[in-house]
Amino acid sequence: MAKRKWSFEEVNEYRREHNQYFLYYNDDDANFLVPKANGLGRTNNWAHPASWIIILAVIMLMVYHAFFK
């Protein structure tokens, strides 16, 4: 079964059912960014591979600047 992008209401329903208010991890959701549970803005879907690639790139950049500059 192919992943599909979930709507705002579906994301909120999933969070309520699974008590995921701090981190959002949903294998069935194809969205990379989802609305935050509280407040304005967006957060990552940590089941999406791009989330891990971006966080690793940020960490590598921080390590590079800390030790090699």
N, C-alpha and C. Protein backbone atom coordinates (compact mmCIF):
# COMPACT_ATOMS: atom_id res chain seq x y z
N MET A 1 0.84 -1.18 0.00
CA MET A 1 0.00 0.00 0.00
C MET A 1 0.89 1.24 0.00
N ALA A 2 0.59 2.17 -0.86
CA ALA A 2 1.38 3.40 -0.97
C ALA A 2 1.01 4.37 0.14
N LYS A 3 2.00 5.13 0.55
CA LYS A 3 1.76 6.16 1.56
C LYS A 3 1.00 7.31 0.92
N ARG A 4 0.22 8.00 1.72
CA ARG A 4 -0.48 9.18 1.24
C ARG A 4 -0.32 10.30 2.25
N LYS A 5 -0.51 11.52 1.80
CA LYS A 5 -0.41 12.67 2.70
C LYS A 5 -1.70 12.79 3.50
N TRP A 6 -1.53 12.88 4.80
CA TRP A 6 -2.69 12.97 5.68
C TRP A 6 -3.12 14.42 5.83
N SER A 7 -4.40 14.62 6.07
CA SER A 7 -4.94 15.96 6.29
C SER A 7 -4.66 16.40 7.73
N PHE A 8 -4.89 17.68 8.00
CA PHE A 8 -4.69 18.24 9.33
C PHE A 8 -5.55 17.51 10.37
N GLU A 9 -6.80 17.21 10.01
CA GLU A 9 -7.70 16.52 10.94
C GLU A 9 -7.22 15.10 11.22
N GLU A 10 -6.72 14.40 10.20
CA GLU A 10 -6.23 13.04 10.40
C GLU A 10 -4.99 13.03 11.29
N VAL A 11 -4.11 14.01 11.12
CA VAL A 11 -2.91 14.10 11.95
C VAL A 11 -3.31 14.33 13.41
N ASN A 12 -4.26 15.23 13.65
CA ASN A 12 -4.71 15.49 15.02
C ASN A 12 -5.38 14.26 15.63
N GLU A 13 -6.17 13.55 14.85
CA GLU A 13 -6.82 12.33 15.34
C GLU A 13 -5.77 11.27 15.70
N TYR A 14 -4.75 11.11 14.85
CA TYR A 14 -3.67 10.15 15.12
C TYR A 14 -2.94 10.52 16.40
N ARG A 15 -2.69 11.80 16.60
CA ARG A 15 -1.99 12.24 17.82
C ARG A 15 -2.82 11.93 19.06
N ARG A 16 -4.13 12.16 18.99
CA ARG A 16 -4.99 11.87 20.14
C ARG A 16 -5.01 10.37 20.44
N GLU A 17 -5.11 9.54 19.40
CA GLU A 17 -5.20 8.09 19.60
C GLU A 17 -3.90 7.50 20.15
N HIS A 18 -2.75 8.04 19.73
CA HIS A 18 -1.45 7.47 20.11
C HIS A 18 -0.68 8.32 21.12
N ASN A 19 -1.30 9.36 21.65
CA ASN A 19 -0.67 10.25 22.63
C ASN A 19 0.69 10.74 22.17
N GLN A 20 0.75 11.23 20.95
CA GLN A 20 1.99 11.76 20.38
C GLN A 20 1.89 13.28 20.27
N TYR A 21 2.20 13.95 21.35
CA TYR A 21 2.13 15.42 21.33
C TYR A 21 3.50 16.06 21.27
N PHE A 22 4.55 15.35 21.65
CA PHE A 22 5.89 15.91 21.62
C PHE A 22 6.57 15.62 20.29
N LEU A 23 6.65 14.35 19.91
CA LEU A 23 7.23 13.94 18.64
C LEU A 23 6.15 13.28 17.79
N TYR A 24 6.21 13.51 16.49
CA TYR A 24 5.25 12.89 15.58
C TYR A 24 5.98 11.85 14.75
N TYR A 25 5.56 10.59 14.86
CA TYR A 25 6.17 9.48 14.12
C TYR A 25 5.04 8.62 13.57
N ASN A 26 4.81 8.72 12.26
CA ASN A 26 3.73 7.98 11.63
C ASN A 26 4.23 7.42 10.30
N ASP A 27 4.39 6.10 10.23
CA ASP A 27 4.88 5.44 9.02
C ASP A 27 3.92 5.57 7.85
N ASP A 28 2.64 5.69 8.12
CA ASP A 28 1.65 5.73 7.04
C ASP A 28 1.48 7.11 6.42
N ASP A 29 2.00 8.13 7.06
CA ASP A 29 1.85 9.50 6.59
C ASP A 29 3.05 9.88 5.72
N ALA A 30 2.80 10.37 4.51
CA ALA A 30 3.87 10.76 3.59
C ALA A 30 4.31 12.21 3.78
N ASN A 31 3.66 12.95 4.66
CA ASN A 31 4.06 14.33 4.91
C ASN A 31 5.41 14.39 5.60
N PHE A 32 6.26 15.30 5.14
CA PHE A 32 7.54 15.56 5.81
C PHE A 32 7.33 16.51 6.98
N LEU A 33 6.58 17.57 6.75
CA LEU A 33 6.26 18.53 7.80
C LEU A 33 4.77 18.44 8.12
N VAL A 34 4.45 18.45 9.41
CA VAL A 34 3.06 18.40 9.86
C VAL A 34 2.83 19.55 10.83
N PRO A 35 1.57 19.99 11.00
CA PRO A 35 1.30 21.07 11.96
C PRO A 35 1.65 20.64 13.38
N LYS A 36 2.15 21.59 14.17
CA LYS A 36 2.47 21.29 15.56
C LYS A 36 1.20 20.98 16.34
N ALA A 37 1.34 20.21 17.39
CA ALA A 37 0.19 19.87 18.22
C ALA A 37 -0.32 21.09 18.97
N ASN A 38 0.60 21.93 19.45
CA ASN A 38 0.23 23.13 20.20
C ASN A 38 0.93 24.33 19.59
N GLY A 39 0.17 25.37 19.32
CA GLY A 39 0.77 26.59 18.80
C GLY A 39 0.87 26.61 17.30
N LEU A 40 1.57 27.62 16.82
CA LEU A 40 1.73 27.79 15.38
C LEU A 40 3.02 27.15 14.91
N GLY A 41 3.06 26.80 13.65
CA GLY A 41 4.28 26.26 13.06
C GLY A 41 4.13 24.83 12.60
N ARG A 42 5.26 24.29 12.24
CA ARG A 42 5.32 22.92 11.72
C ARG A 42 6.41 22.14 12.46
N THR A 43 6.29 20.83 12.42
CA THR A 43 7.28 19.94 13.00
C THR A 43 7.52 18.78 12.03
N ASN A 44 8.56 18.02 12.28
CA ASN A 44 8.91 16.91 11.39
C ASN A 44 8.09 15.67 11.70
N ASN A 45 7.85 14.89 10.65
CA ASN A 45 7.38 13.52 10.81
C ASN A 45 8.64 12.67 10.85
N TRP A 46 8.99 12.16 12.03
CA TRP A 46 10.25 11.45 12.20
C TRP A 46 10.28 10.09 11.53
N ALA A 47 9.17 9.64 10.97
CA ALA A 47 9.15 8.40 10.19
C ALA A 47 9.58 8.66 8.75
N HIS A 48 9.64 9.91 8.35
CA HIS A 48 10.05 10.28 6.99
C HIS A 48 11.57 10.31 6.92
N PRO A 49 12.18 9.66 5.93
CA PRO A 49 13.65 9.61 5.84
C PRO A 49 14.32 10.98 5.72
N ALA A 50 13.65 11.94 5.12
CA ALA A 50 14.23 13.28 4.97
C ALA A 50 14.48 13.94 6.33
N SER A 51 13.66 13.64 7.31
CA SER A 51 13.86 14.22 8.65
C SER A 51 15.21 13.81 9.22
N TRP A 52 15.56 12.55 9.05
CA TRP A 52 16.82 12.05 9.58
C TRP A 52 18.00 12.59 8.79
N ILE A 53 17.86 12.72 7.50
CA ILE A 53 18.95 13.26 6.67
C ILE A 53 19.23 14.71 7.05
N ILE A 54 18.18 15.49 7.24
CA ILE A 54 18.34 16.90 7.59
C ILE A 54 18.97 17.06 8.97
N ILE A 55 18.53 16.30 9.96
CA ILE A 55 19.09 16.44 11.29
C ILE A 55 20.55 15.99 11.32
N LEU A 56 20.90 14.94 10.57
CA LEU A 56 22.30 14.52 10.49
C LEU A 56 23.17 15.57 9.82
N ALA A 57 22.64 16.23 8.79
CA ALA A 57 23.39 17.29 8.12
C ALA A 57 23.63 18.47 9.07
N VAL A 58 22.63 18.82 9.85
CA VAL A 58 22.78 19.92 10.81
C VAL A 58 23.81 19.56 11.87
N ILE A 59 23.77 18.35 12.38
CA ILE A 59 24.75 17.92 13.39
C ILE A 59 26.15 17.90 12.82
N MET A 60 26.31 17.40 11.60
CA MET A 60 27.63 17.38 10.97
C MET A 60 28.15 18.79 10.75
N LEU A 61 27.30 19.71 10.38
CA LEU A 61 27.70 21.11 10.20
C LEU A 61 28.15 21.72 11.52
N MET A 62 27.44 21.42 12.60
CA MET A 62 27.82 21.93 13.91
C MET A 62 29.16 21.36 14.36
N VAL A 63 29.39 20.08 14.14
CA VAL A 63 30.66 19.46 14.50
C VAL A 63 31.79 20.04 13.68
N TYR A 64 31.56 20.25 12.41
CA TYR A 64 32.57 20.85 11.53
C TYR A 64 32.98 22.23 12.03
N HIS A 65 31.99 23.06 12.34
CA HIS A 65 32.29 24.42 12.82
C HIS A 65 32.94 24.41 14.20
N ALA A 66 32.62 23.43 15.01
CA ALA A 66 33.19 23.38 16.37
C ALA A 66 34.65 22.92 16.36
N PHE A 67 34.99 22.01 15.46
CA PHE A 67 36.32 21.42 15.51
C PHE A 67 37.25 21.82 14.38
N PHE A 68 36.74 22.27 13.26
CA PHE A 68 37.59 22.51 12.10
C PHE A 68 37.64 23.96 11.65
N LYS A 69 37.05 24.86 12.35
CA LYS A 69 37.12 26.27 11.99
C LYS A 69 37.74 27.07 13.09
